[in-house]
Amino acid sequence: MKLYGSPLCPDCVDAVKVLDGVGIPYDYHNITESLPDLKAFLALRDSRSEFDEAKESGLIGIPAFLMEDGSLTLDTDEVVNKEK
């Protein structure tokens, strides 16, 4: 699973703590430190309907979890429940 986020985002910091706490592996992509990671995230954000509500609310849409099967969620609890 890829986790797109930023240490500047409290929700992302919490998501990392939760995933680490339950032992769920992830590949972290810091969109505020890496231009390639930011570009990859923006390509997802611009093309996936999962981000519509976040964009309409003026949110960035992180943390964003891109699963191995191509599904995407912005919900940490959904990831934890799916990986159990």
Protein backbone atom coordinates (compact mmCIF):
# COMPACT_ATOMS: atom_id res chain seq x y z
CA MET A 1 0.00 0.00 0.00
CA LYS A 2 1.14 3.51 -0.77
CA LEU A 3 0.37 6.20 1.77
CA TYR A 4 0.43 9.74 0.39
CA GLY A 5 0.77 12.31 3.14
CA SER A 6 2.83 14.94 4.88
CA PRO A 7 4.28 15.35 8.35
CA LEU A 8 2.70 18.83 8.26
CA CYS A 9 -0.76 17.20 8.29
CA PRO A 10 -2.04 16.10 11.73
CA ASP A 11 -4.32 13.49 10.15
CA CYS A 12 -1.34 12.00 8.31
CA VAL A 13 0.75 11.90 11.48
CA ASP A 14 -2.12 10.11 13.25
CA ALA A 15 -2.52 7.66 10.33
CA VAL A 16 1.18 6.73 10.49
CA LYS A 17 0.89 6.14 14.25
CA VAL A 18 -2.17 3.93 13.79
CA LEU A 19 -0.64 1.87 10.97
CA ASP A 20 2.62 1.47 12.85
CA GLY A 21 0.73 0.58 16.02
CA VAL A 22 -1.14 -2.29 14.40
CA GLY A 23 1.77 -3.38 12.22
CA ILE A 24 0.32 -2.61 8.78
CA PRO A 25 3.13 -2.09 6.25
CA TYR A 26 3.01 0.86 3.87
CA ASP A 27 5.22 2.79 1.48
CA TYR A 28 5.13 6.44 2.64
CA HIS A 29 5.18 9.16 0.00
CA ASN A 30 5.78 12.59 1.53
CA ILE A 31 4.15 15.04 -0.87
CA THR A 32 5.79 18.04 0.81
CA GLU A 33 9.35 16.74 0.46
CA SER A 34 9.36 15.11 -2.95
CA LEU A 35 8.29 16.68 -6.22
CA PRO A 36 7.82 13.26 -7.89
CA ASP A 37 5.60 12.15 -4.98
CA LEU A 38 3.60 15.38 -5.20
CA LYS A 39 3.13 14.93 -8.95
CA ALA A 40 2.00 11.31 -8.47
CA PHE A 41 -0.44 12.39 -5.77
CA LEU A 42 -1.85 15.23 -7.87
CA ALA A 43 -2.34 12.86 -10.81
CA LEU A 44 -4.37 10.59 -8.52
CA ARG A 45 -6.28 13.50 -7.01
CA ASP A 46 -7.16 14.90 -10.42
CA SER A 47 -8.36 11.57 -11.81
CA ARG A 48 -10.10 9.71 -8.97
CA SER A 49 -13.63 10.33 -7.73
CA GLU A 50 -12.60 9.34 -4.19
CA PHE A 51 -11.19 12.86 -3.84
CA ASP A 52 -14.33 14.72 -4.96
CA GLU A 53 -15.70 15.34 -1.46
CA ALA A 54 -12.32 16.47 -0.14
CA LYS A 55 -11.84 18.87 -3.06
CA GLU A 56 -15.38 20.26 -2.67
CA SER A 57 -14.62 20.91 1.01
CA GLY A 58 -11.34 22.67 0.17
CA LEU A 59 -9.22 19.85 1.62
CA ILE A 60 -6.06 18.39 0.14
CA GLY A 61 -7.16 14.77 0.38
CA ILE A 62 -4.43 13.34 2.59
CA PRO A 63 -3.80 10.91 4.03
CA ALA A 64 -4.59 8.94 0.89
CA PHE A 65 -4.13 5.19 0.81
CA LEU A 66 -3.58 3.52 -2.58
CA MET A 67 -4.03 -0.20 -2.09
CA GLU A 68 -2.22 -2.94 -4.00
CA ASP A 69 -5.47 -3.79 -5.85
CA GLY A 70 -5.77 -0.20 -7.12
CA SER A 71 -8.52 0.82 -4.72
CA LEU A 72 -8.11 4.10 -2.90
CA THR A 73 -9.44 5.44 0.38
CA LEU A 74 -8.93 8.50 2.52
CA ASP A 75 -10.09 6.67 5.66
CA THR A 76 -7.48 5.23 8.04
CA ASP A 77 -10.08 3.10 9.83
CA GLU A 78 -11.11 1.53 6.52
CA VAL A 79 -7.50 0.54 5.87
CA VAL A 80 -7.10 -0.97 9.34
CA ASN A 81 -10.35 -2.94 9.02
CA LYS A 82 -9.49 -4.14 5.52
CA GLU A 83 -5.99 -5.30 6.54
CA LYS A 84 -7.10 -7.26 9.62
